[in-house]
């Protein structure tokens, strides 16, 4: 159910309060790490027919306003979550695609510093850990070797230019 807090957050962000936006916030909060199609289905179940384009537009506005976070694991559709304003990363299962939050050991963004910033002002590092969730792990255990860090992990290639 949409909350008074959701209404306040939309208004504080300068966004119009609409049934679709409230339904998006509720759907993402309850499902977490959902792709757009799943969010669209949840919104339509809550408020009736809403176009997929309207959901995309609202997700973009909510993301830009800092009310939702978009993550984009390689090879997967973008996913959305309501956990914003902290520094956390994600674990993604290679088998089923489940996404799990993992807190950053550093605690503040960005938690990684590049060797060279190329003049960029860096405000975020997006870390995604890949592996197998507890449910899928038995399917691959014994056939897949977990990555063991090597001395080469700490070497940094130089850029030729």
N, C-alpha and C. Protein backbone atom coordinates (compact mmCIF):
# COMPACT_ATOMS: atom_id res chain seq x y z
N UNK A 1 0.84 -1.17 0.00
CA UNK A 1 0.00 0.00 0.00
C UNK A 1 0.89 1.25 0.00
N UNK A 2 0.50 2.22 -0.78
CA UNK A 2 1.24 3.48 -0.82
C UNK A 2 1.12 4.15 0.55
N UNK A 3 2.18 4.81 0.94
CA UNK A 3 2.21 5.41 2.27
C UNK A 3 2.22 6.94 2.18
N UNK A 4 1.90 7.57 3.30
CA UNK A 4 1.98 9.03 3.39
C UNK A 4 3.43 9.45 3.13
N UNK A 5 4.36 8.62 3.59
CA UNK A 5 5.78 8.90 3.37
C UNK A 5 6.10 8.97 1.87
N UNK A 6 5.51 8.05 1.07
CA UNK A 6 5.73 8.08 -0.38
C UNK A 6 5.22 9.39 -0.98
N UNK A 7 4.05 9.83 -0.54
CA UNK A 7 3.48 11.09 -1.03
C UNK A 7 4.41 12.24 -0.69
N UNK A 8 4.89 12.27 0.54
CA UNK A 8 5.81 13.34 0.97
C UNK A 8 7.11 13.31 0.17
N UNK A 9 7.65 12.13 -0.05
CA UNK A 9 8.91 12.02 -0.80
C UNK A 9 8.75 12.52 -2.23
N UNK A 10 7.63 12.18 -2.86
CA UNK A 10 7.39 12.67 -4.22
C UNK A 10 7.30 14.20 -4.23
N UNK A 11 6.56 14.75 -3.30
CA UNK A 11 6.41 16.21 -3.25
C UNK A 11 7.75 16.89 -2.95
N UNK A 12 8.51 16.35 -2.01
CA UNK A 12 9.82 16.94 -1.68
C UNK A 12 10.77 16.89 -2.87
N UNK A 13 10.61 15.89 -3.74
CA UNK A 13 11.45 15.77 -4.92
C UNK A 13 10.95 16.65 -6.06
N UNK A 14 9.82 17.33 -5.85
CA UNK A 14 9.26 18.19 -6.88
C UNK A 14 8.51 17.43 -7.96
N UNK A 15 8.09 16.21 -7.65
CA UNK A 15 7.36 15.39 -8.62
C UNK A 15 5.87 15.41 -8.29
N UNK A 16 5.07 15.33 -9.35
CA UNK A 16 3.62 15.22 -9.15
C UNK A 16 3.32 13.88 -8.50
N UNK A 17 2.35 13.89 -7.62
CA UNK A 17 1.91 12.66 -6.98
C UNK A 17 0.84 12.05 -7.87
N UNK A 18 1.14 10.89 -8.45
CA UNK A 18 0.18 10.20 -9.30
C UNK A 18 0.00 8.77 -8.78
N UNK A 19 -1.12 8.18 -9.14
CA UNK A 19 -1.38 6.80 -8.73
C UNK A 19 -0.30 5.87 -9.28
N UNK A 20 0.13 6.12 -10.52
CA UNK A 20 1.16 5.27 -11.12
C UNK A 20 2.49 5.37 -10.38
N UNK A 21 2.90 6.57 -10.02
CA UNK A 21 4.17 6.74 -9.30
C UNK A 21 4.10 6.09 -7.92
N UNK A 22 2.98 6.25 -7.24
CA UNK A 22 2.82 5.60 -5.94
C UNK A 22 2.85 4.09 -6.09
N UNK A 23 2.20 3.58 -7.14
CA UNK A 23 2.19 2.13 -7.37
C UNK A 23 3.58 1.62 -7.73
N UNK A 24 4.36 2.41 -8.46
CA UNK A 24 5.73 2.01 -8.79
C UNK A 24 6.56 1.91 -7.52
N UNK A 25 6.49 2.93 -6.66
CA UNK A 25 7.26 2.89 -5.42
C UNK A 25 6.87 1.67 -4.57
N UNK A 26 5.58 1.40 -4.49
CA UNK A 26 5.10 0.26 -3.72
C UNK A 26 5.57 -1.06 -4.33
N UNK A 27 5.46 -1.19 -5.64
CA UNK A 27 5.85 -2.42 -6.33
C UNK A 27 7.34 -2.69 -6.17
N UNK A 28 8.15 -1.66 -6.35
CA UNK A 28 9.60 -1.83 -6.23
C UNK A 28 9.97 -2.15 -4.79
N UNK A 29 9.35 -1.47 -3.84
CA UNK A 29 9.65 -1.72 -2.42
C UNK A 29 9.32 -3.16 -2.05
N UNK A 30 8.20 -3.67 -2.52
CA UNK A 30 7.78 -5.02 -2.16
C UNK A 30 8.54 -6.10 -2.92
N UNK A 31 8.96 -5.80 -4.15
CA UNK A 31 9.65 -6.82 -4.95
C UNK A 31 11.15 -6.67 -4.93
N UNK A 32 11.61 -5.45 -4.95
CA UNK A 32 13.03 -5.09 -4.94
C UNK A 32 13.83 -5.79 -6.03
N UNK A 33 14.67 -5.04 -6.67
CA UNK A 33 15.52 -5.49 -7.79
C UNK A 33 14.67 -6.03 -8.94
N UNK A 34 13.54 -5.39 -9.20
CA UNK A 34 12.65 -5.83 -10.28
C UNK A 34 13.03 -5.17 -11.59
N UNK A 35 12.79 -5.88 -12.70
CA UNK A 35 12.98 -5.28 -14.02
C UNK A 35 11.71 -4.50 -14.40
N UNK A 36 11.79 -3.76 -15.49
CA UNK A 36 10.68 -2.88 -15.88
C UNK A 36 9.40 -3.65 -16.15
N UNK A 37 9.50 -4.79 -16.82
CA UNK A 37 8.30 -5.56 -17.13
C UNK A 37 7.60 -6.04 -15.86
N UNK A 38 8.37 -6.47 -14.87
CA UNK A 38 7.78 -6.91 -13.60
C UNK A 38 7.13 -5.73 -12.88
N UNK A 39 7.78 -4.59 -12.92
CA UNK A 39 7.21 -3.39 -12.30
C UNK A 39 5.92 -3.01 -13.01
N UNK A 40 5.93 -3.06 -14.34
CA UNK A 40 4.73 -2.73 -15.12
C UNK A 40 3.56 -3.62 -14.72
N UNK A 41 3.81 -4.93 -14.61
CA UNK A 41 2.74 -5.85 -14.21
C UNK A 41 2.21 -5.49 -12.82
N UNK A 42 3.11 -5.22 -11.89
CA UNK A 42 2.69 -4.86 -10.53
C UNK A 42 1.88 -3.58 -10.49
N UNK A 43 2.28 -2.60 -11.28
CA UNK A 43 1.55 -1.33 -11.33
C UNK A 43 0.15 -1.55 -11.90
N UNK A 44 0.05 -2.30 -12.99
CA UNK A 44 -1.26 -2.57 -13.60
C UNK A 44 -2.18 -3.33 -12.65
N UNK A 45 -1.62 -4.24 -11.86
CA UNK A 45 -2.43 -4.96 -10.87
C UNK A 45 -2.96 -4.02 -9.79
N UNK A 46 -2.19 -2.99 -9.49
CA UNK A 46 -2.58 -2.08 -8.41
C UNK A 46 -3.54 -0.98 -8.87
N UNK A 47 -3.31 -0.42 -10.06
CA UNK A 47 -4.09 0.76 -10.46
C UNK A 47 -4.80 0.61 -11.80
N UNK A 48 -4.75 -0.55 -12.40
CA UNK A 48 -5.36 -0.72 -13.71
C UNK A 48 -4.35 -0.47 -14.81
N UNK A 49 -4.83 -0.35 -16.01
CA UNK A 49 -3.94 -0.24 -17.17
C UNK A 49 -3.11 1.04 -17.16
N UNK A 50 -1.81 0.87 -17.26
CA UNK A 50 -0.85 1.96 -17.39
C UNK A 50 0.09 1.54 -18.51
N UNK A 51 0.41 2.45 -19.41
CA UNK A 51 1.27 2.07 -20.53
C UNK A 51 2.69 1.77 -20.04
N UNK A 52 3.36 0.89 -20.77
CA UNK A 52 4.74 0.57 -20.46
C UNK A 52 5.61 1.82 -20.56
N UNK A 53 5.32 2.68 -21.55
CA UNK A 53 6.09 3.92 -21.70
C UNK A 53 5.93 4.83 -20.48
N UNK A 54 4.72 4.89 -19.93
CA UNK A 54 4.49 5.71 -18.73
C UNK A 54 5.30 5.17 -17.56
N UNK A 55 5.42 3.85 -17.46
CA UNK A 55 6.23 3.25 -16.39
C UNK A 55 7.70 3.60 -16.60
N UNK A 56 8.19 3.47 -17.84
CA UNK A 56 9.58 3.86 -18.13
C UNK A 56 9.82 5.33 -17.76
N UNK A 57 8.91 6.19 -18.17
CA UNK A 57 9.06 7.63 -17.88
C UNK A 57 9.07 7.90 -16.38
N UNK A 58 8.16 7.26 -15.66
CA UNK A 58 8.09 7.45 -14.21
C UNK A 58 9.32 6.88 -13.51
N UNK A 59 9.79 5.72 -13.95
CA UNK A 59 11.01 5.14 -13.37
C UNK A 59 12.19 6.09 -13.56
N UNK A 60 12.29 6.67 -14.75
CA UNK A 60 13.38 7.61 -15.01
C UNK A 60 13.27 8.83 -14.09
N UNK A 61 12.07 9.37 -13.95
CA UNK A 61 11.88 10.54 -13.08
C UNK A 61 12.19 10.20 -11.63
N UNK A 62 11.75 9.03 -11.17
CA UNK A 62 12.00 8.62 -9.79
C UNK A 62 13.49 8.36 -9.55
N UNK A 63 14.15 7.81 -10.56
CA UNK A 63 15.60 7.59 -10.47
C UNK A 63 16.35 8.92 -10.43
N UNK A 64 16.00 9.83 -11.35
CA UNK A 64 16.65 11.13 -11.40
C UNK A 64 16.44 11.92 -10.10
N UNK A 65 15.30 11.72 -9.47
CA UNK A 65 14.99 12.42 -8.22
C UNK A 65 15.65 11.76 -7.00
N UNK A 66 16.28 10.61 -7.22
CA UNK A 66 16.96 9.92 -6.13
C UNK A 66 16.04 9.08 -5.26
N UNK A 67 14.83 8.80 -5.75
CA UNK A 67 13.89 7.98 -4.98
C UNK A 67 14.04 6.50 -5.29
N UNK A 68 14.61 6.18 -6.44
CA UNK A 68 14.89 4.80 -6.82
C UNK A 68 16.32 4.72 -7.32
N UNK A 69 16.91 3.55 -7.18
CA UNK A 69 18.24 3.30 -7.73
C UNK A 69 18.10 2.29 -8.86
N UNK A 70 18.79 2.56 -9.94
CA UNK A 70 18.80 1.65 -11.09
C UNK A 70 20.14 0.92 -11.08
N UNK A 71 20.08 -0.39 -11.21
CA UNK A 71 21.31 -1.17 -11.38
C UNK A 71 21.21 -1.89 -12.71
N UNK A 72 22.35 -2.07 -13.35
CA UNK A 72 22.36 -2.67 -14.68
C UNK A 72 23.43 -3.75 -14.77
N UNK A 73 23.15 -4.95 -14.23
CA UNK A 73 24.12 -6.03 -14.34
C UNK A 73 24.33 -6.40 -15.81
N UNK A 74 25.57 -6.66 -16.19
CA UNK A 74 25.88 -7.01 -17.58
C UNK A 74 25.03 -8.20 -18.03
N UNK A 75 24.45 -8.08 -19.21
CA UNK A 75 23.66 -9.17 -19.77
C UNK A 75 22.27 -9.29 -19.19
N UNK A 76 21.88 -8.36 -18.34
CA UNK A 76 20.56 -8.39 -17.71
C UNK A 76 19.86 -7.06 -17.94
N UNK A 77 18.53 -7.07 -17.88
CA UNK A 77 17.83 -5.79 -17.99
C UNK A 77 18.08 -4.95 -16.74
N UNK A 78 17.88 -3.65 -16.87
CA UNK A 78 17.99 -2.76 -15.71
C UNK A 78 17.00 -3.20 -14.65
N UNK A 79 17.41 -3.04 -13.42
CA UNK A 79 16.56 -3.38 -12.28
C UNK A 79 16.52 -2.17 -11.35
N UNK A 80 15.47 -2.11 -10.56
CA UNK A 80 15.26 -0.96 -9.69
C UNK A 80 15.08 -1.40 -8.24
N UNK A 81 15.51 -0.52 -7.33
CA UNK A 81 15.36 -0.78 -5.91
C UNK A 81 15.10 0.53 -5.18
N UNK A 82 14.54 0.42 -3.99
CA UNK A 82 14.24 1.60 -3.20
C UNK A 82 15.36 1.93 -2.22
N UNK A 83 16.35 1.08 -2.11
CA UNK A 83 17.46 1.34 -1.18
C UNK A 83 18.40 2.35 -1.83
N UNK A 84 18.27 3.59 -1.43
CA UNK A 84 19.09 4.68 -1.98
C UNK A 84 19.74 5.43 -0.82
N UNK A 85 20.74 6.22 -1.14
CA UNK A 85 21.33 7.09 -0.14
C UNK A 85 22.36 6.43 0.74
N UNK A 86 22.71 5.19 0.46
CA UNK A 86 23.78 4.55 1.20
C UNK A 86 24.78 3.99 0.19
N UNK A 87 25.80 3.36 0.67
CA UNK A 87 26.81 2.82 -0.23
C UNK A 87 26.78 1.30 -0.12
N UNK A 88 26.01 0.67 -1.00
CA UNK A 88 25.96 -0.78 -1.01
C UNK A 88 26.14 -1.28 -2.44
N UNK A 89 26.43 -2.55 -2.54
CA UNK A 89 26.67 -3.18 -3.84
C UNK A 89 25.73 -4.36 -4.00
N UNK A 90 25.99 -5.18 -5.01
CA UNK A 90 25.06 -6.26 -5.31
C UNK A 90 25.78 -7.56 -5.63
N UNK A 91 25.13 -8.66 -5.24
CA UNK A 91 25.53 -10.01 -5.62
C UNK A 91 24.51 -10.46 -6.65
N UNK A 92 24.96 -11.01 -7.78
CA UNK A 92 24.05 -11.48 -8.82
C UNK A 92 24.33 -12.95 -9.08
N UNK A 93 23.29 -13.77 -9.04
CA UNK A 93 23.42 -15.20 -9.32
C UNK A 93 23.53 -15.42 -10.82
N UNK A 94 24.57 -16.14 -11.22
CA UNK A 94 24.77 -16.46 -12.64
C UNK A 94 23.72 -17.41 -13.18
N UNK A 95 23.09 -18.17 -12.31
CA UNK A 95 22.12 -19.19 -12.74
C UNK A 95 20.71 -18.62 -12.86
N UNK A 96 20.20 -18.03 -11.79
CA UNK A 96 18.79 -17.59 -11.78
C UNK A 96 18.62 -16.08 -11.89
N UNK A 97 19.72 -15.32 -11.75
CA UNK A 97 19.64 -13.87 -11.87
C UNK A 97 19.22 -13.14 -10.61
N UNK A 98 19.03 -13.86 -9.50
CA UNK A 98 18.65 -13.21 -8.25
C UNK A 98 19.70 -12.15 -7.87
N UNK A 99 19.22 -11.03 -7.37
CA UNK A 99 20.10 -9.94 -6.95
C UNK A 99 19.93 -9.74 -5.45
N UNK A 100 21.05 -9.65 -4.76
CA UNK A 100 21.06 -9.47 -3.31
C UNK A 100 21.94 -8.28 -2.95
N UNK A 101 21.48 -7.46 -2.02
CA UNK A 101 22.29 -6.34 -1.55
C UNK A 101 23.42 -6.84 -0.67
N UNK A 102 24.56 -6.17 -0.77
CA UNK A 102 25.69 -6.43 0.12
C UNK A 102 26.28 -5.07 0.51
N UNK A 103 26.41 -4.85 1.80
CA UNK A 103 26.95 -3.58 2.27
C UNK A 103 28.41 -3.43 1.87
N UNK A 104 28.81 -2.21 1.61
CA UNK A 104 30.19 -1.90 1.27
C UNK A 104 31.01 -1.84 2.55
N UNK A 105 32.18 -2.44 2.51
CA UNK A 105 33.05 -2.45 3.69
C UNK A 105 33.56 -1.05 4.02
N UNK A 106 33.69 -0.19 3.02
CA UNK A 106 34.22 1.16 3.24
C UNK A 106 33.16 2.06 3.86
N UNK A 107 31.92 1.93 3.39
CA UNK A 107 30.83 2.68 3.99
C UNK A 107 30.51 4.02 3.38
N UNK A 108 31.39 4.58 2.57
CA UNK A 108 31.09 5.86 1.94
C UNK A 108 31.48 5.81 0.46
N UNK A 109 30.78 6.58 -0.34
CA UNK A 109 31.02 6.57 -1.78
C UNK A 109 32.06 7.61 -2.15
N UNK A 110 32.83 7.39 -3.20
CA UNK A 110 33.01 6.07 -3.82
C UNK A 110 33.92 5.20 -2.98
N UNK A 111 33.66 3.91 -2.97
CA UNK A 111 34.43 3.03 -2.11
C UNK A 111 35.69 2.51 -2.79
N UNK A 112 35.83 2.76 -4.05
CA UNK A 112 37.03 2.36 -4.78
C UNK A 112 37.65 3.60 -5.40
N UNK A 113 38.94 3.68 -5.37
CA UNK A 113 39.64 4.80 -5.99
C UNK A 113 40.45 4.27 -7.17
N UNK A 114 40.24 4.83 -8.35
CA UNK A 114 41.01 4.37 -9.51
C UNK A 114 42.45 4.85 -9.42
N UNK A 115 43.31 4.16 -10.16
CA UNK A 115 44.71 4.57 -10.22
C UNK A 115 44.82 5.95 -10.84
N UNK A 116 43.99 6.20 -11.84
CA UNK A 116 44.01 7.47 -12.57
C UNK A 116 42.57 7.88 -12.82
N UNK A 117 42.22 9.14 -12.55
CA UNK A 117 40.83 9.56 -12.72
C UNK A 117 40.54 10.25 -14.05
N UNK A 118 41.56 10.46 -14.89
CA UNK A 118 41.40 11.04 -16.22
C UNK A 118 40.64 12.37 -16.19
N UNK A 119 40.72 13.09 -15.08
CA UNK A 119 40.06 14.38 -14.99
C UNK A 119 38.60 14.32 -14.56
N UNK A 120 38.08 13.12 -14.34
CA UNK A 120 36.68 12.98 -13.92
C UNK A 120 36.53 13.34 -12.45
N UNK A 121 35.38 13.84 -12.08
CA UNK A 121 34.99 13.99 -10.69
C UNK A 121 34.17 12.75 -10.37
N UNK A 122 34.73 11.81 -9.63
CA UNK A 122 34.09 10.52 -9.39
C UNK A 122 33.26 10.61 -8.12
N UNK A 123 31.98 10.20 -8.23
CA UNK A 123 31.10 10.24 -7.06
C UNK A 123 30.56 8.87 -6.68
N UNK A 124 30.80 7.86 -7.52
CA UNK A 124 30.22 6.55 -7.24
C UNK A 124 31.04 5.46 -7.90
N UNK A 125 31.10 4.32 -7.26
CA UNK A 125 31.67 3.12 -7.86
C UNK A 125 30.59 2.05 -7.79
N UNK A 126 30.28 1.44 -8.91
CA UNK A 126 29.22 0.44 -8.97
C UNK A 126 29.87 -0.93 -9.01
N UNK A 127 29.77 -1.67 -7.91
CA UNK A 127 30.40 -2.98 -7.81
C UNK A 127 29.32 -4.04 -7.86
N UNK A 128 29.50 -5.01 -8.74
CA UNK A 128 28.59 -6.15 -8.81
C UNK A 128 29.43 -7.41 -8.67
N UNK A 129 29.09 -8.20 -7.67
CA UNK A 129 29.74 -9.49 -7.46
C UNK A 129 28.90 -10.55 -8.16
N UNK A 130 29.56 -11.47 -8.85
CA UNK A 130 28.88 -12.54 -9.58
C UNK A 130 29.20 -13.88 -8.94
N UNK A 131 28.23 -14.76 -8.91
CA UNK A 131 28.43 -16.10 -8.35
C UNK A 131 27.13 -16.87 -8.41
N UNK A 132 26.94 -17.78 -7.47
CA UNK A 132 25.75 -18.60 -7.43
C UNK A 132 25.09 -18.46 -6.07
N UNK A 133 23.80 -18.20 -6.08
CA UNK A 133 23.04 -18.02 -4.84
C UNK A 133 22.96 -19.36 -4.11
N UNK A 134 22.56 -19.35 -2.84
CA UNK A 134 22.49 -20.60 -2.08
C UNK A 134 21.59 -21.65 -2.74
N UNK A 135 20.52 -21.22 -3.42
CA UNK A 135 19.61 -22.16 -4.07
C UNK A 135 20.26 -22.82 -5.29
N UNK A 136 21.03 -22.05 -6.06
CA UNK A 136 21.64 -22.56 -7.29
C UNK A 136 23.02 -23.17 -7.07
N UNK A 137 23.65 -22.84 -5.98
CA UNK A 137 25.01 -23.29 -5.71
C UNK A 137 25.18 -24.81 -5.81
N UNK A 138 24.25 -25.63 -5.26
CA UNK A 138 24.43 -27.08 -5.37
C UNK A 138 24.48 -27.60 -6.81
N UNK A 139 23.85 -26.89 -7.74
CA UNK A 139 23.84 -27.30 -9.15
C UNK A 139 25.23 -27.24 -9.76
N UNK A 140 26.06 -26.32 -9.27
CA UNK A 140 27.36 -26.10 -9.90
C UNK A 140 28.54 -26.47 -9.01
N UNK A 141 28.28 -26.71 -7.74
CA UNK A 141 29.37 -27.03 -6.82
C UNK A 141 30.09 -28.29 -7.30
N UNK A 142 31.38 -28.23 -7.32
CA UNK A 142 32.18 -29.35 -7.81
C UNK A 142 32.52 -29.23 -9.28
N UNK A 143 31.72 -28.45 -10.03
CA UNK A 143 32.01 -28.26 -11.45
C UNK A 143 32.60 -26.90 -11.73
N UNK A 144 32.41 -25.97 -10.81
CA UNK A 144 32.91 -24.61 -10.98
C UNK A 144 33.87 -24.32 -9.85
N UNK A 145 34.99 -23.77 -10.20
CA UNK A 145 35.98 -23.40 -9.19
C UNK A 145 35.77 -21.94 -8.83
N UNK A 146 35.62 -21.67 -7.56
CA UNK A 146 35.48 -20.28 -7.12
C UNK A 146 36.76 -19.54 -7.43
N UNK A 147 36.63 -18.29 -7.79
CA UNK A 147 37.78 -17.46 -8.14
C UNK A 147 38.62 -17.22 -6.90
N UNK A 148 39.90 -17.50 -7.03
CA UNK A 148 40.83 -17.28 -5.94
C UNK A 148 41.69 -16.08 -6.31
N UNK A 149 41.74 -15.05 -5.47
CA UNK A 149 42.55 -13.87 -5.79
C UNK A 149 44.01 -14.25 -6.01
N UNK A 150 44.63 -13.60 -6.97
CA UNK A 150 46.04 -13.85 -7.26
C UNK A 150 46.82 -12.56 -7.08
N UNK A 151 48.13 -12.69 -7.14
CA UNK A 151 49.00 -11.51 -7.00
C UNK A 151 48.74 -10.53 -8.13
N UNK A 152 48.29 -11.01 -9.29
CA UNK A 152 48.04 -10.14 -10.45
C UNK A 152 46.85 -9.22 -10.24
N UNK A 153 45.97 -9.55 -9.30
CA UNK A 153 44.80 -8.72 -9.05
C UNK A 153 45.18 -7.31 -8.62
N UNK A 154 46.35 -7.14 -8.10
CA UNK A 154 46.76 -5.83 -7.60
C UNK A 154 47.62 -5.07 -8.58
N UNK A 155 47.88 -5.65 -9.74
CA UNK A 155 48.64 -4.95 -10.77
C UNK A 155 47.67 -4.12 -11.60
N UNK A 156 48.10 -2.96 -12.04
CA UNK A 156 47.25 -2.08 -12.83
C UNK A 156 47.90 -1.85 -14.18
N UNK A 157 47.18 -2.15 -15.26
CA UNK A 157 47.76 -1.89 -16.58
C UNK A 157 47.89 -0.39 -16.82
N UNK A 158 48.87 -0.03 -17.57
CA UNK A 158 49.03 1.38 -17.92
C UNK A 158 48.33 1.62 -19.23
N UNK A 159 47.84 2.83 -19.39
CA UNK A 159 47.13 3.19 -20.61
C UNK A 159 48.13 3.70 -21.64
N UNK A 160 48.07 3.12 -22.82
CA UNK A 160 48.91 3.57 -23.92
C UNK A 160 48.16 4.64 -24.66
N UNK A 161 48.83 5.67 -25.09
CA UNK A 161 48.05 6.69 -25.78
C UNK A 161 48.80 7.54 -26.65
